[in-house]
N, C-alpha and C. Protein backbone atom coordinates (compact mmCIF):
# COMPACT_ATOMS: atom_id res chain seq x y z
N UNK A 1 -14.95 -15.60 1.31
CA UNK A 1 -14.38 -16.78 0.58
C UNK A 1 -12.61 -16.16 0.01
N UNK A 2 -11.73 -16.70 -0.18
CA UNK A 2 -10.35 -16.82 -0.49
C UNK A 2 -10.04 -17.37 -1.70
N UNK A 3 -8.94 -16.62 -2.21
CA UNK A 3 -8.47 -17.43 -3.58
C UNK A 3 -7.53 -18.54 -3.13
N UNK A 4 -7.16 -19.62 -3.95
CA UNK A 4 -6.18 -20.86 -3.45
C UNK A 4 -5.03 -20.32 -2.96
N UNK A 5 -4.44 -18.97 -2.96
CA UNK A 5 -3.40 -18.63 -2.31
C UNK A 5 -3.75 -17.80 -1.06
N UNK A 6 -5.06 -17.77 -0.66
CA UNK A 6 -5.65 -17.48 0.66
C UNK A 6 -5.92 -15.80 0.71
N UNK A 7 -5.80 -15.29 -0.61
CA UNK A 7 -6.31 -13.73 -0.55
C UNK A 7 -7.87 -13.50 -0.77
N UNK A 8 -8.22 -12.55 -0.02
CA UNK A 8 -9.67 -12.21 0.08
C UNK A 8 -10.12 -11.98 -1.15
N UNK A 9 -11.21 -12.68 -1.68
CA UNK A 9 -11.94 -12.31 -2.99
C UNK A 9 -12.69 -11.29 -2.83
N UNK A 10 -12.59 -10.07 -3.78
CA UNK A 10 -13.63 -8.97 -3.56
C UNK A 10 -15.00 -9.41 -3.93
N UNK A 11 -15.92 -9.09 -3.54
CA UNK A 11 -17.50 -9.25 -3.74
C UNK A 11 -17.65 -9.01 -5.09
N UNK A 12 -18.59 -9.89 -5.71
CA UNK A 12 -18.96 -9.64 -7.13
C UNK A 12 -20.31 -8.80 -7.12
N UNK A 13 -21.00 -8.88 -6.17
CA UNK A 13 -21.98 -8.17 -5.99
C UNK A 13 -22.10 -7.37 -4.55
N UNK A 14 -22.52 -6.14 -4.39
CA UNK A 14 -22.52 -5.66 -3.05
C UNK A 14 -22.75 -4.12 -3.36
N UNK A 15 -22.51 -3.51 -2.13
CA UNK A 15 -22.54 -2.17 -2.03
C UNK A 15 -21.35 -1.40 -2.32
N UNK A 16 -21.27 -0.12 -2.68
CA UNK A 16 -19.97 0.65 -3.06
C UNK A 16 -18.96 0.32 -2.06
N UNK A 17 -19.51 0.64 -0.82
CA UNK A 17 -18.11 0.46 0.35
C UNK A 17 -17.66 -0.99 0.39
N UNK A 18 -18.58 -1.62 0.40
CA UNK A 18 -18.16 -3.05 0.47
C UNK A 18 -17.32 -3.65 -0.61
N UNK A 19 -17.67 -3.16 -1.88
CA UNK A 19 -16.75 -3.51 -2.94
C UNK A 19 -15.26 -2.77 -2.79
N UNK A 20 -15.48 -1.44 -2.71
CA UNK A 20 -14.08 -0.75 -2.42
C UNK A 20 -13.41 -1.43 -1.19
N UNK A 21 -13.69 -1.53 -0.15
CA UNK A 21 -13.08 -2.32 0.99
C UNK A 21 -12.51 -3.78 0.26
N UNK A 22 -13.48 -4.37 -0.30
CA UNK A 22 -12.90 -5.81 -0.84
C UNK A 22 -11.80 -5.43 -1.80
N UNK A 23 -11.93 -4.68 -2.71
CA UNK A 23 -10.67 -4.62 -3.75
C UNK A 23 -9.61 -4.20 -2.99
N UNK A 24 -9.58 -3.23 -2.29
CA UNK A 24 -8.38 -2.57 -1.58
C UNK A 24 -7.65 -3.78 -0.47
N UNK A 25 -8.29 -4.44 -0.05
CA UNK A 25 -7.82 -5.67 0.86
C UNK A 25 -7.31 -6.80 -0.15
N UNK A 26 -7.91 -7.10 -1.37
CA UNK A 26 -7.41 -8.13 -2.11
C UNK A 26 -5.93 -7.48 -2.52
N UNK A 27 -5.86 -6.01 -2.89
CA UNK A 27 -4.66 -5.60 -3.48
C UNK A 27 -3.44 -5.65 -2.39
N UNK A 28 -4.00 -5.15 -1.29
CA UNK A 28 -3.12 -5.17 -0.01
C UNK A 28 -2.59 -6.94 0.15
N UNK A 29 -3.38 -7.40 0.05
CA UNK A 29 -3.00 -9.27 0.30
C UNK A 29 -2.07 -9.83 -0.87
N UNK A 30 -2.26 -8.91 -2.04
CA UNK A 30 -1.47 -9.40 -3.40
C UNK A 30 0.13 -8.77 -2.89
N UNK A 31 0.32 -7.63 -2.53
CA UNK A 31 1.52 -7.24 -2.34
C UNK A 31 2.48 -8.12 -1.12
N UNK A 32 1.67 -8.62 -0.17
CA UNK A 32 2.06 -9.37 0.67
C UNK A 32 2.41 -10.72 0.20
N UNK A 33 1.72 -11.36 -0.60
CA UNK A 33 1.93 -12.51 -1.49
C UNK A 33 3.14 -12.34 -2.21
N UNK A 34 3.37 -11.40 -2.86
CA UNK A 34 4.48 -11.06 -3.81
C UNK A 34 5.64 -11.10 -3.07
N UNK A 35 5.65 -10.71 -1.72
CA UNK A 35 6.94 -10.65 -1.02
C UNK A 35 7.01 -12.05 -0.02
N UNK A 36 6.23 -12.66 -0.05
CA UNK A 36 6.15 -13.91 0.79
C UNK A 36 7.22 -14.97 0.55
N UNK A 37 7.94 -15.42 1.58
CA UNK A 37 8.89 -16.33 1.62
C UNK A 37 10.36 -16.05 0.82
N UNK A 38 10.40 -14.74 0.76
CA UNK A 38 11.72 -14.34 0.40
C UNK A 38 12.75 -13.70 1.29
N UNK A 39 13.96 -13.92 0.89
CA UNK A 39 14.92 -13.31 1.86
C UNK A 39 15.17 -11.91 1.84
N UNK A 40 15.90 -11.55 2.76
CA UNK A 40 16.04 -9.92 3.10
C UNK A 40 16.98 -9.50 1.78
N UNK A 41 17.88 -10.30 1.10
CA UNK A 41 18.44 -9.95 0.05
C UNK A 41 17.55 -10.01 -1.28
N UNK A 42 16.56 -10.89 -1.24
CA UNK A 42 15.85 -11.08 -2.43
C UNK A 42 14.96 -9.77 -2.45
N UNK A 43 14.29 -9.44 -1.33
CA UNK A 43 13.48 -8.38 -1.02
C UNK A 43 14.16 -6.94 -1.53
N UNK A 44 15.49 -6.86 -1.42
CA UNK A 44 16.20 -5.89 -1.70
C UNK A 44 16.65 -5.67 -3.25
N UNK A 45 16.55 -6.72 -4.02
CA UNK A 45 16.89 -7.00 -5.16
C UNK A 45 16.22 -5.88 -5.94
N UNK A 46 17.07 -5.26 -6.92
CA UNK A 46 16.61 -4.26 -7.66
C UNK A 46 16.02 -4.73 -9.13
N UNK A 47 14.92 -4.12 -9.79
CA UNK A 47 14.56 -4.40 -11.14
C UNK A 47 15.44 -4.63 -12.22
N UNK A 48 15.84 -3.54 -12.43
CA UNK A 48 17.10 -3.42 -13.53
C UNK A 48 17.62 -1.84 -13.49
N UNK A 49 18.96 -1.77 -13.87
CA UNK A 49 19.28 -0.67 -13.95
C UNK A 49 18.99 0.40 -14.86
N UNK A 50 18.68 1.55 -14.70
CA UNK A 50 19.13 2.42 -13.48
C UNK A 50 18.21 2.30 -12.56
N UNK A 51 16.92 1.58 -12.58
CA UNK A 51 15.69 1.73 -11.56
C UNK A 51 16.44 1.23 -10.14
N UNK A 52 15.77 1.81 -9.15
CA UNK A 52 16.29 1.38 -7.83
C UNK A 52 14.94 0.56 -7.07
N UNK A 53 14.00 0.42 -7.97
CA UNK A 53 12.90 -0.37 -7.62
C UNK A 53 13.12 -1.61 -7.05
N UNK A 54 12.38 -2.04 -5.72
CA UNK A 54 12.66 -3.35 -5.10
C UNK A 54 11.41 -3.67 -4.13
N UNK A 55 11.05 -4.73 -4.07
CA UNK A 55 9.86 -5.23 -3.28
C UNK A 55 9.94 -4.53 -1.96
N UNK A 56 11.14 -4.45 -1.27
CA UNK A 56 11.30 -3.70 0.04
C UNK A 56 10.57 -2.40 -0.11
N UNK A 57 11.24 -1.81 -1.10
CA UNK A 57 10.92 -0.55 -1.20
C UNK A 57 9.28 -0.16 -1.42
N UNK A 58 8.85 -1.14 -2.41
CA UNK A 58 7.33 -0.79 -2.46
C UNK A 58 6.50 -1.01 -1.18
N UNK A 59 6.90 -2.00 -0.28
CA UNK A 59 6.47 -2.20 1.10
C UNK A 59 6.55 -0.82 2.00
N UNK A 60 7.80 -0.29 1.77
CA UNK A 60 7.88 0.88 2.55
C UNK A 60 7.02 2.27 2.01
N UNK A 61 7.13 2.38 0.80
CA UNK A 61 6.29 3.13 -0.26
C UNK A 61 4.80 3.15 0.16
N UNK A 62 4.28 1.86 0.07
CA UNK A 62 2.94 1.80 0.45
C UNK A 62 2.56 1.81 1.76
N UNK A 63 3.23 1.96 2.87
CA UNK A 63 3.09 2.19 4.25
C UNK A 63 3.05 3.75 4.11
N UNK A 64 3.93 4.36 3.52
CA UNK A 64 3.60 6.12 3.23
C UNK A 64 2.24 6.23 2.66
N UNK A 65 2.04 5.43 1.69
CA UNK A 65 0.59 5.87 0.90
C UNK A 65 -0.41 5.84 1.82
N UNK A 66 -0.53 4.64 2.61
CA UNK A 66 -1.51 4.52 3.42
C UNK A 66 -1.57 5.49 4.58
N UNK A 67 -0.39 5.84 5.23
CA UNK A 67 -0.28 6.82 6.14
C UNK A 67 -1.02 8.27 5.70
N UNK A 68 -0.37 8.46 4.54
CA UNK A 68 -0.78 9.89 4.00
C UNK A 68 -2.26 10.17 3.81
N UNK A 69 -2.78 9.20 2.86
CA UNK A 69 -4.12 9.17 2.57
C UNK A 69 -5.26 8.98 3.67
N UNK A 70 -4.97 8.06 4.23
CA UNK A 70 -5.83 7.67 5.44
C UNK A 70 -5.69 8.90 6.60
N UNK A 71 -4.30 8.67 7.25
CA UNK A 71 -4.32 9.44 8.52
C UNK A 71 -4.13 10.92 8.37
N UNK A 72 -3.35 11.22 7.41
CA UNK A 72 -3.07 12.56 7.33
C UNK A 72 -4.06 13.19 6.39
N UNK A 73 -4.61 12.95 5.58
CA UNK A 73 -5.52 13.43 4.67
C UNK A 73 -6.98 13.65 5.31
N UNK A 74 -7.55 12.32 5.46
CA UNK A 74 -8.80 11.87 5.78
C UNK A 74 -9.04 12.18 7.39
N UNK A 75 -8.21 11.83 8.24
CA UNK A 75 -8.22 11.97 9.65
C UNK A 75 -7.70 13.23 9.88
N UNK A 76 -6.81 13.85 9.12
CA UNK A 76 -6.33 15.22 9.43
C UNK A 76 -5.38 15.34 10.73
N UNK A 77 -4.61 13.88 10.66
CA UNK A 77 -3.61 13.86 11.65
C UNK A 77 -2.41 14.85 11.28
N UNK A 78 -1.59 15.30 12.20
CA UNK A 78 -0.74 15.99 12.04
C UNK A 78 0.81 15.12 12.36
N UNK A 79 1.18 14.36 11.54
CA UNK A 79 2.38 13.51 11.76
C UNK A 79 3.11 13.31 10.41
N UNK A 80 4.43 13.08 10.82
CA UNK A 80 5.48 13.12 9.63
C UNK A 80 5.24 11.72 9.06
N UNK A 81 5.92 11.63 7.83
CA UNK A 81 5.92 10.41 6.92
C UNK A 81 6.59 9.38 7.78
N UNK A 82 6.58 8.19 7.46
CA UNK A 82 7.03 6.77 8.19
C UNK A 82 8.47 6.91 8.27
N UNK A 83 9.23 7.26 6.96
CA UNK A 83 10.34 7.08 6.47
C UNK A 83 11.35 8.38 6.64
N UNK A 84 10.45 9.36 6.49
CA UNK A 84 11.08 10.74 6.32
C UNK A 84 10.52 11.88 7.33
N UNK A 85 11.24 12.59 8.01
CA UNK A 85 10.61 13.70 8.90
C UNK A 85 10.27 14.91 8.21
N UNK A 86 11.08 15.20 6.87
CA UNK A 86 11.12 16.39 6.10
C UNK A 86 9.89 16.30 4.95
N UNK A 87 9.27 14.91 4.66
CA UNK A 87 8.53 14.92 3.80
C UNK A 87 8.79 14.36 2.45
N UNK A 88 10.07 13.73 2.44
CA UNK A 88 10.85 13.19 1.42
C UNK A 88 9.89 11.76 0.84
N UNK A 89 9.19 11.74 0.18
CA UNK A 89 8.48 10.49 -0.20
C UNK A 89 9.38 9.44 -0.87
N UNK A 90 10.54 10.09 -1.48
CA UNK A 90 11.48 8.94 -1.92
C UNK A 90 12.17 8.29 -0.97
N UNK A 91 12.32 8.73 0.16
CA UNK A 91 13.04 8.16 1.40
C UNK A 91 12.50 6.47 1.77
N UNK A 92 11.43 6.15 1.43
CA UNK A 92 10.87 4.89 1.17
C UNK A 92 11.78 4.08 0.61
N UNK A 93 12.26 4.62 -0.42
CA UNK A 93 13.09 3.73 -1.49
C UNK A 93 14.51 3.51 -1.06
N UNK A 94 14.93 4.38 -0.22
CA UNK A 94 16.39 4.20 0.46
C UNK A 94 16.60 3.18 1.32
N UNK A 95 17.08 2.03 0.90
CA UNK A 95 17.15 0.83 1.70
C UNK A 95 18.55 0.90 2.77
N UNK A 96 19.36 1.81 2.64
CA UNK A 96 20.45 1.75 3.32
C UNK A 96 20.47 1.05 4.72
N UNK A 97 19.46 1.71 5.47
CA UNK A 97 19.29 1.22 6.89
C UNK A 97 17.82 0.35 7.14
N UNK A 98 17.44 -0.03 6.21
CA UNK A 98 16.06 -0.61 5.98
C UNK A 98 15.89 -1.84 6.63
N UNK A 99 15.06 -2.25 7.41
CA UNK A 99 14.84 -3.53 7.78
C UNK A 99 13.62 -4.22 7.48
N UNK A 100 13.73 -5.28 6.80
CA UNK A 100 12.17 -5.93 6.10
C UNK A 100 11.33 -6.17 7.44
N UNK A 101 11.55 -6.37 8.77
CA UNK A 101 10.62 -6.68 9.72
C UNK A 101 10.17 -5.46 10.06
N UNK A 102 10.89 -4.27 10.03
CA UNK A 102 10.42 -3.10 10.37
C UNK A 102 9.45 -2.48 9.17
N UNK A 103 9.97 -2.81 7.82
CA UNK A 103 9.03 -2.48 6.85
C UNK A 103 7.59 -3.03 7.06
N UNK A 104 7.71 -4.42 7.00
CA UNK A 104 6.48 -5.01 7.07
C UNK A 104 5.33 -4.67 8.21
N UNK A 105 6.10 -4.59 9.47
CA UNK A 105 5.37 -3.90 10.67
C UNK A 105 4.77 -2.70 10.47
N UNK A 106 5.39 -1.50 10.09
CA UNK A 106 5.02 -0.36 9.74
C UNK A 106 3.89 -0.49 8.56
N UNK A 107 4.00 -1.19 7.82
CA UNK A 107 2.94 -1.40 6.64
C UNK A 107 1.81 -1.88 7.29
N UNK A 108 1.80 -2.95 7.80
CA UNK A 108 0.74 -3.64 8.42
C UNK A 108 -0.03 -2.47 9.50
N UNK A 109 0.78 -1.79 10.29
CA UNK A 109 0.07 -0.88 11.23
C UNK A 109 -0.54 0.22 10.55
N UNK A 110 -0.16 0.71 9.43
CA UNK A 110 -0.73 1.69 8.65
C UNK A 110 -1.91 1.15 8.09
N UNK A 111 -1.86 -0.04 7.72
CA UNK A 111 -3.21 -0.69 6.92
C UNK A 111 -4.06 -0.70 8.02
N UNK A 112 -3.72 -1.06 9.26
CA UNK A 112 -4.93 -1.40 10.45
C UNK A 112 -5.36 0.27 10.60
N UNK A 113 -4.57 1.15 10.90
CA UNK A 113 -5.10 2.53 10.81
C UNK A 113 -6.16 2.87 9.84
N UNK A 114 -5.63 2.62 8.63
CA UNK A 114 -6.31 2.84 7.59
C UNK A 114 -7.93 2.28 7.69
N UNK A 115 -7.78 0.82 7.86
CA UNK A 115 -9.25 0.12 8.17
C UNK A 115 -10.00 0.90 9.02
N UNK A 116 -9.43 1.21 10.14
CA UNK A 116 -10.32 1.69 11.41
C UNK A 116 -10.91 3.09 11.09
N UNK A 117 -9.99 4.00 10.32
CA UNK A 117 -10.55 5.18 9.97
C UNK A 117 -11.57 4.94 8.61
N UNK A 118 -11.47 4.22 8.02
CA UNK A 118 -12.71 3.88 6.84
C UNK A 118 -13.73 3.27 7.60
N UNK A 119 -13.58 2.26 8.44
CA UNK A 119 -14.73 1.63 9.41
C UNK A 119 -15.58 2.86 10.15
N UNK A 120 -14.98 3.82 10.73
CA UNK A 120 -15.62 4.63 11.66
C UNK A 120 -15.94 5.71 10.91
N UNK A 121 -15.72 5.84 9.49
CA UNK A 121 -16.07 7.19 8.86
C UNK A 121 -17.84 6.96 8.60
N UNK A 122 -18.58 7.91 8.79
CA UNK A 122 -19.93 7.55 8.64
C UNK A 122 -20.36 7.40 7.22
N UNK A 123 -19.71 7.70 6.40
CA UNK A 123 -20.03 7.34 4.81
C UNK A 123 -18.68 7.72 3.96
N UNK A 124 -18.63 7.43 2.77
CA UNK A 124 -17.72 7.69 1.75
C UNK A 124 -17.63 9.13 1.43
N UNK A 125 -18.40 9.83 1.88
CA UNK A 125 -18.58 11.31 1.39
C UNK A 125 -17.70 12.08 2.61
N UNK A 126 -17.13 11.60 3.66
CA UNK A 126 -16.33 12.32 4.57
C UNK A 126 -15.23 12.85 3.70
N UNK A 127 -14.83 14.04 4.10
CA UNK A 127 -13.74 15.08 3.27
C UNK A 127 -12.62 15.36 3.88
N UNK A 128 -11.34 15.07 3.37
CA UNK A 128 -10.45 15.66 3.81
C UNK A 128 -9.68 16.26 3.04
N UNK A 129 -8.48 17.06 3.46
CA UNK A 129 -7.92 17.98 2.56
C UNK A 129 -6.48 17.35 2.21
N UNK A 130 -6.10 17.26 1.05
CA UNK A 130 -4.79 16.77 0.42
C UNK A 130 -4.06 17.96 0.20
N UNK A 131 -2.99 18.49 1.07
CA UNK A 131 -2.42 19.55 0.68
C UNK A 131 -1.38 19.66 -0.36
N UNK A 132 -0.88 18.60 -1.07
CA UNK A 132 0.02 18.61 -2.17
C UNK A 132 -0.80 18.81 -3.43
N UNK A 133 -2.23 18.66 -3.42
CA UNK A 133 -2.95 19.16 -4.48
C UNK A 133 -3.64 20.36 -4.11
N UNK A 134 -3.64 20.85 -2.99
CA UNK A 134 -4.45 21.94 -2.57
C UNK A 134 -5.96 21.91 -2.88
N UNK A 135 -6.38 20.60 -2.39
CA UNK A 135 -7.92 20.24 -2.72
C UNK A 135 -8.49 19.41 -1.69
N UNK A 136 -9.78 19.61 -1.49
CA UNK A 136 -10.66 18.54 -0.58
C UNK A 136 -10.88 17.33 -1.37
N UNK A 137 -10.70 16.09 -0.67
CA UNK A 137 -11.10 15.00 -1.54
C UNK A 137 -11.84 14.01 -0.55
N UNK A 138 -12.72 13.18 -1.32
CA UNK A 138 -13.48 12.49 -0.22
C UNK A 138 -12.89 10.92 0.06
N UNK A 139 -13.33 10.41 0.94
CA UNK A 139 -12.86 9.02 1.38
C UNK A 139 -13.31 8.13 0.27
N UNK A 140 -14.07 8.20 -0.74
CA UNK A 140 -14.49 7.44 -1.95
C UNK A 140 -13.24 7.61 -2.85
N UNK A 141 -12.73 8.95 -2.98
CA UNK A 141 -11.81 8.95 -3.83
C UNK A 141 -10.44 8.37 -3.11
N UNK A 142 -10.27 8.59 -1.93
CA UNK A 142 -9.18 7.89 -1.26
C UNK A 142 -9.18 6.63 -1.48
N UNK A 143 -10.09 5.78 -1.21
CA UNK A 143 -10.02 4.50 -1.52
C UNK A 143 -9.74 3.88 -2.95
N UNK A 144 -10.47 4.75 -3.85
CA UNK A 144 -9.99 4.53 -5.38
C UNK A 144 -8.77 4.77 -5.73
N UNK A 145 -8.09 5.87 -4.99
CA UNK A 145 -6.81 6.00 -5.44
C UNK A 145 -5.89 5.10 -5.12
N UNK A 146 -6.26 4.50 -3.71
CA UNK A 146 -5.38 3.46 -3.39
C UNK A 146 -5.30 2.14 -3.99
N UNK A 147 -6.54 1.80 -4.42
CA UNK A 147 -6.71 0.90 -5.27
C UNK A 147 -5.83 0.78 -6.48
N UNK A 148 -6.11 1.62 -7.32
CA UNK A 148 -5.17 2.32 -8.21
C UNK A 148 -3.74 2.10 -7.93
N UNK A 149 -3.32 2.87 -6.95
CA UNK A 149 -1.73 2.61 -6.40
C UNK A 149 -1.36 1.37 -6.20
N UNK A 150 -1.97 0.63 -5.50
CA UNK A 150 -1.69 -0.70 -5.25
C UNK A 150 -1.69 -1.73 -6.59
N UNK A 151 -2.73 -1.49 -7.45
CA UNK A 151 -2.81 -2.26 -8.48
C UNK A 151 -1.54 -1.90 -9.16
N UNK A 152 -1.07 -0.73 -9.57
CA UNK A 152 0.16 -0.27 -10.40
C UNK A 152 1.13 -0.91 -9.79
N UNK A 153 1.51 -0.81 -8.56
CA UNK A 153 2.54 -1.27 -7.98
C UNK A 153 2.78 -2.90 -7.68
N UNK A 154 1.42 -3.58 -7.53
CA UNK A 154 1.60 -4.87 -7.50
C UNK A 154 2.04 -5.61 -9.19
N UNK A 155 1.96 -4.72 -10.25
CA UNK A 155 2.25 -4.98 -11.53
C UNK A 155 3.66 -5.00 -11.24
N UNK A 156 4.55 -4.09 -10.82
CA UNK A 156 5.77 -3.91 -10.53
C UNK A 156 6.17 -5.05 -9.69
N UNK A 157 5.49 -5.46 -8.63
CA UNK A 157 5.95 -6.27 -7.74
C UNK A 157 5.94 -7.82 -8.47
N UNK A 158 4.93 -7.80 -9.29
CA UNK A 158 4.79 -9.36 -10.23
C UNK A 158 6.04 -9.43 -10.88
N UNK A 159 6.57 -8.34 -11.68
CA UNK A 159 7.62 -8.51 -12.40
C UNK A 159 9.14 -8.66 -11.60
N UNK A 160 9.12 -7.80 -10.42
CA UNK A 160 10.14 -8.13 -9.65
C UNK A 160 10.21 -9.57 -8.93
N UNK A 161 9.24 -10.05 -8.70
CA UNK A 161 9.21 -11.46 -8.09
C UNK A 161 9.41 -12.61 -9.28
N UNK A 162 9.12 -12.30 -10.60
CA UNK A 162 9.50 -13.10 -11.41
C UNK A 162 10.80 -13.03 -11.80
N UNK A 163 11.52 -11.99 -11.76
CA UNK A 163 12.93 -11.78 -11.75
C UNK A 163 13.74 -12.51 -10.59
N UNK A 164 13.15 -12.65 -9.47
CA UNK A 164 13.65 -13.37 -8.25
C UNK A 164 13.82 -14.72 -8.48
N UNK A 165 12.65 -15.35 -8.40
CA UNK A 165 12.64 -16.73 -8.62
C UNK A 165 11.57 -17.42 -9.45
N UNK A 166 11.15 -16.60 -10.66
CA UNK A 166 10.59 -17.00 -11.41
C UNK A 166 8.73 -17.30 -11.25
N UNK A 167 8.48 -16.85 -10.04
CA UNK A 167 7.12 -16.95 -9.38
C UNK A 167 6.26 -15.91 -10.08
N UNK A 168 5.15 -16.06 -10.84
CA UNK A 168 4.33 -15.38 -11.81
C UNK A 168 2.79 -15.73 -11.31
N UNK A 169 2.05 -14.56 -11.76
CA UNK A 169 0.54 -15.08 -11.34
C UNK A 169 -0.22 -13.77 -10.46
N UNK A 170 -1.22 -13.46 -10.61
CA UNK A 170 -1.83 -12.54 -10.11
C UNK A 170 -2.10 -12.71 -8.54
């Protein structure tokens, strides 16, 4: 089942994994919806000074988030960030040479990697290591953390979109 704007509706009843997956996919689709139909200039429009927050920056940031938590932490892959070889998470918000098509392609690719890693994991109790925290974490925590991160950033995206063309709504 989908919402009128074609986002997947998270299950109202279901197992833990199905519900986590449903809410994460809902929030991923919400970010895409907030960016849909905008020009390059609109995607780059800043919220309000001195903030450098933009919709394009959020897409790039969430590509990093997906890569970091699923591929680097859970899957243990030794690979750099998408937008920074030296581990600078703020590089996602530097739009100097940013291309919307490249940003959305990278984000979608990382989402697909994340979905594959989650599907292939035998349970939500799979453990990975988060080096920034110097702590082991479960796939369950990773999915909850991403739902939280997307929800927070989708609030930002809602305000950014309203400032661009007046479009509002969850």
